Every structure is written in structure tokens, then in C-alpha cells.
């Protein structure tokens, strides 16, 4: 049995490499940017933070302003469908609204590599599924050049 340890940045980076999760550093924040999630349609940014209480995995999706009413009405259902994720809307006056998806793993008592891998797997897969569902519901700005199939189901 592996002994839980309180991860530091070097250990977290090693665990990410062991799990084959590609990440990048930026010069502007302390987070590790998760490449696989950042490449999804509608994703503004996806980051993993090492906090004093544990791990915080956040992803921001860019919401079409005309889809805000429908998404606001649907956020309760989405929260129930993705119980391991925390969802909330970030609406700032001079920016495009965003749906923030977060996963939190407390690590006060320490973590093992397997616990970290399980958290990453659950959070990344849930985020992928939620982003795809939001794209299908026409809540997001599609960023790829792929043609959209079928009519929009969003309220206008």
C-alpha cells in the first residue's frame, strides 16, 4: 500500500506525466494548463492548481450570450448529471459569459498517485462529456471548422 504524501509541484508534475496527461506552464500563473481539455471546442482555459487544501481543476467554457437563459434554466439538471463537478456561471459586464467547471480533491491528509490519477480521470472525462453536451445544446461558440449538423435547439 502506498503511503499518502502531501504533493508539491514537482510530485504533481511527475504524477501527470505518469498518467500521460499533457500539460503546459505559462509565465502568468502557477497553474498547470491541461492541453487535452484546452483543445476542446468552446474551452477558454483548463488548469490544475495545487492549493493548500489539495487540487483544484478548473475549466472555463465560453457561452453564447443568446444561450444564457437556456443554460441558466438547465444548470440544475447539469449539476445533477455531473455530480463530481461543481458548475457555476461567471458573468462579467465586458466579457463573454463563461460556464466554470471545477473539480476539487482535498489533500490535507495526503494523496497517493492512484488517488490523483482517479481524480484526473473522473474530472477530465466529466469535463469532456459536459463540454460536448453544451456544444450539442448550442450553448457554446464552436471553434472548430467542422460543420454543425442539425438545427439549433437553443432558445433565441
Protein backbone atom coordinates (compact mmCIF):
# COMPACT_ATOMS: atom_id res chain seq x y z
CA UNK A 1 0.00 0.00 0.00
CA UNK A 2 1.36 3.39 -0.97
CA UNK A 3 1.68 5.94 1.79
CA UNK A 4 -0.22 9.19 1.12
CA UNK A 5 2.00 12.22 0.77
CA UNK A 6 1.23 15.91 0.56
CA UNK A 7 2.08 16.67 -3.08
CA UNK A 8 4.32 19.52 -4.13
CA UNK A 9 4.55 20.88 -7.65
CA UNK A 10 7.35 18.53 -8.75
CA UNK A 11 5.45 15.47 -7.49
CA UNK A 12 2.23 16.66 -9.13
CA UNK A 13 4.03 17.12 -12.46
CA UNK A 14 5.51 13.61 -12.15
CA UNK A 15 2.06 12.15 -11.45
CA UNK A 16 0.67 13.96 -14.51
CA UNK A 17 3.45 12.54 -16.69
CA UNK A 18 2.85 9.05 -15.23
CA UNK A 19 -0.85 9.38 -16.17
CA UNK A 20 0.08 10.62 -19.67
CA UNK A 21 -1.70 13.94 -19.10
CA UNK A 22 -0.02 16.62 -21.22
CA UNK A 23 0.34 19.97 -19.51
CA UNK A 24 1.96 23.34 -20.14
CA UNK A 25 3.38 26.07 -17.97
CA UNK A 26 2.59 29.70 -18.63
CA UNK A 27 4.51 32.65 -17.31
CA UNK A 28 1.40 34.32 -15.93
CA UNK A 29 0.09 31.86 -13.31
CA UNK A 30 1.12 28.98 -11.09
CA UNK A 31 -1.33 26.54 -12.68
CA UNK A 32 -0.59 23.63 -14.98
CA UNK A 33 -2.62 24.08 -18.19
CA UNK A 34 -4.16 20.78 -19.32
CA UNK A 35 -3.66 20.51 -23.09
CA UNK A 36 -6.24 17.80 -23.88
CA UNK A 37 -9.08 19.80 -22.35
CA UNK A 38 -7.92 23.16 -23.71
CA UNK A 39 -8.18 21.77 -27.24
CA UNK A 40 -11.93 21.04 -26.92
CA UNK A 41 -14.43 23.27 -28.71
CA UNK A 42 -15.71 26.08 -26.51
CA UNK A 43 -12.97 25.81 -23.88
CA UNK A 44 -11.28 29.07 -22.93
CA UNK A 45 -8.81 27.55 -20.46
CA UNK A 46 -8.29 24.42 -18.37
CA UNK A 47 -5.96 24.45 -15.40
CA UNK A 48 -4.86 22.35 -12.47
CA UNK A 49 -3.92 24.28 -9.35
CA UNK A 50 -2.03 22.95 -6.35
CA UNK A 51 -3.65 24.70 -3.38
CA UNK A 52 -3.00 24.44 0.35
CA UNK A 53 -6.12 22.26 0.73
CA UNK A 54 -5.45 19.99 -2.27
CA UNK A 55 -6.03 20.02 -6.03
CA UNK A 56 -8.35 22.35 -7.94
CA UNK A 57 -9.08 21.52 -11.59
CA UNK A 58 -10.96 24.28 -13.42
CA UNK A 59 -12.20 24.63 -16.98
CA UNK A 60 -13.97 27.64 -18.45
CA UNK A 61 -16.39 27.29 -21.38
CA UNK A 62 -17.32 30.33 -23.48
CA UNK A 63 -21.11 30.71 -23.52
CA UNK A 64 -23.05 32.29 -26.35
CA UNK A 65 -24.87 35.29 -24.81
CA UNK A 66 -28.09 34.23 -26.53
CA UNK A 67 -27.86 30.85 -24.76
CA UNK A 68 -27.64 32.29 -21.23
CA UNK A 69 -31.34 31.92 -20.43
CA UNK A 70 -31.44 28.29 -21.58
CA UNK A 71 -28.21 27.42 -19.76
CA UNK A 72 -29.36 29.15 -16.57
CA UNK A 73 -32.55 27.07 -16.67
CA UNK A 74 -30.53 23.89 -17.36
CA UNK A 75 -27.72 24.32 -14.82
CA UNK A 76 -29.57 22.40 -12.08
CA UNK A 77 -30.02 19.38 -14.35
CA UNK A 78 -26.40 19.57 -15.48
CA UNK A 79 -25.22 19.67 -11.86
CA UNK A 80 -27.22 16.51 -11.13
CA UNK A 81 -25.94 14.77 -14.27
CA UNK A 82 -22.29 15.53 -13.35
CA UNK A 83 -22.19 15.10 -9.54
CA UNK A 84 -18.38 15.09 -9.26
CA UNK A 85 -18.15 18.55 -10.86
CA UNK A 86 -19.05 21.96 -9.49
CA UNK A 87 -20.71 24.24 -12.05
CA UNK A 88 -21.33 27.96 -11.95
CA UNK A 89 -21.77 30.87 -14.33
CA UNK A 90 -19.22 33.67 -14.50
CA UNK A 91 -20.83 36.77 -15.97
CA UNK A 92 -18.74 39.93 -16.24
CA UNK A 93 -20.02 43.12 -17.89
CA UNK A 94 -17.39 43.45 -20.60
CA UNK A 95 -16.57 39.80 -21.27
CA UNK A 96 -18.31 36.82 -22.83
CA UNK A 97 -20.14 34.77 -20.18
CA UNK A 98 -18.49 31.55 -19.10
CA UNK A 99 -19.55 28.28 -17.53
CA UNK A 100 -16.92 27.34 -14.99
CA UNK A 101 -16.45 23.64 -14.31
CA UNK A 102 -14.44 22.69 -11.24
CA UNK A 103 -13.26 19.52 -9.58
CA UNK A 104 -11.74 19.57 -6.10
CA UNK A 105 -9.66 16.88 -4.41
CA UNK A 106 -8.84 17.60 -0.74
CA UNK A 107 -5.32 16.52 0.14
CA UNK A 108 -4.83 17.66 3.72
CA UNK A 109 -4.12 14.08 4.81
CA UNK A 110 -2.01 13.45 1.72
CA UNK A 111 -2.61 11.72 -1.61
CA UNK A 112 -1.36 8.69 -3.42
CA UNK A 113 -0.55 8.53 -7.10
CA UNK A 114 -3.60 6.30 -7.66
CA UNK A 115 -5.93 8.79 -5.97
CA UNK A 116 -4.55 11.60 -8.12
CA UNK A 117 -4.92 9.51 -11.28
CA UNK A 118 -8.51 8.62 -10.38
CA UNK A 119 -9.35 12.29 -9.72
CA UNK A 120 -7.78 13.39 -13.02
CA UNK A 121 -9.57 10.67 -14.96
CA UNK A 122 -13.00 11.40 -13.45
CA UNK A 123 -12.66 15.17 -13.77
CA UNK A 124 -11.30 15.16 -17.31
CA UNK A 125 -13.90 12.69 -18.59
CA UNK A 126 -16.76 14.55 -16.89
CA UNK A 127 -15.49 17.84 -18.31
CA UNK A 128 -15.23 16.35 -21.82
CA UNK A 129 -18.78 14.98 -21.63
CA UNK A 130 -20.19 18.22 -20.24
CA UNK A 131 -18.42 20.34 -22.88
CA UNK A 132 -19.73 18.06 -25.63
CA UNK A 133 -23.27 18.25 -24.24
CA UNK A 134 -23.12 22.05 -24.01
CA UNK A 135 -21.87 22.19 -27.60
CA UNK A 136 -24.69 19.88 -28.76
CA UNK A 137 -27.22 22.07 -26.94
CA UNK A 138 -25.78 25.08 -28.79
CA UNK A 139 -24.73 26.84 -25.58
CA UNK A 140 -21.13 27.35 -26.75
CA UNK A 141 -19.31 29.10 -29.56
CA UNK A 142 -17.93 26.27 -31.73
CA UNK A 143 -14.29 26.97 -32.50
CA UNK A 144 -13.56 24.22 -34.98
CA UNK A 145 -14.19 24.43 -38.69
CA UNK A 146 -16.39 21.31 -38.56
CA UNK A 147 -19.84 21.87 -39.96
CA UNK A 148 -22.61 21.68 -37.38
CA UNK A 149 -25.30 19.14 -38.10
CA UNK A 150 -28.98 19.72 -37.49
CA UNK A 151 -30.86 22.77 -36.32
CA UNK A 152 -30.05 24.64 -33.16
CA UNK A 153 -32.02 23.57 -30.10
CA UNK A 154 -31.18 26.71 -28.14
CA UNK A 155 -33.83 29.33 -27.43
CA UNK A 156 -33.30 32.61 -29.24
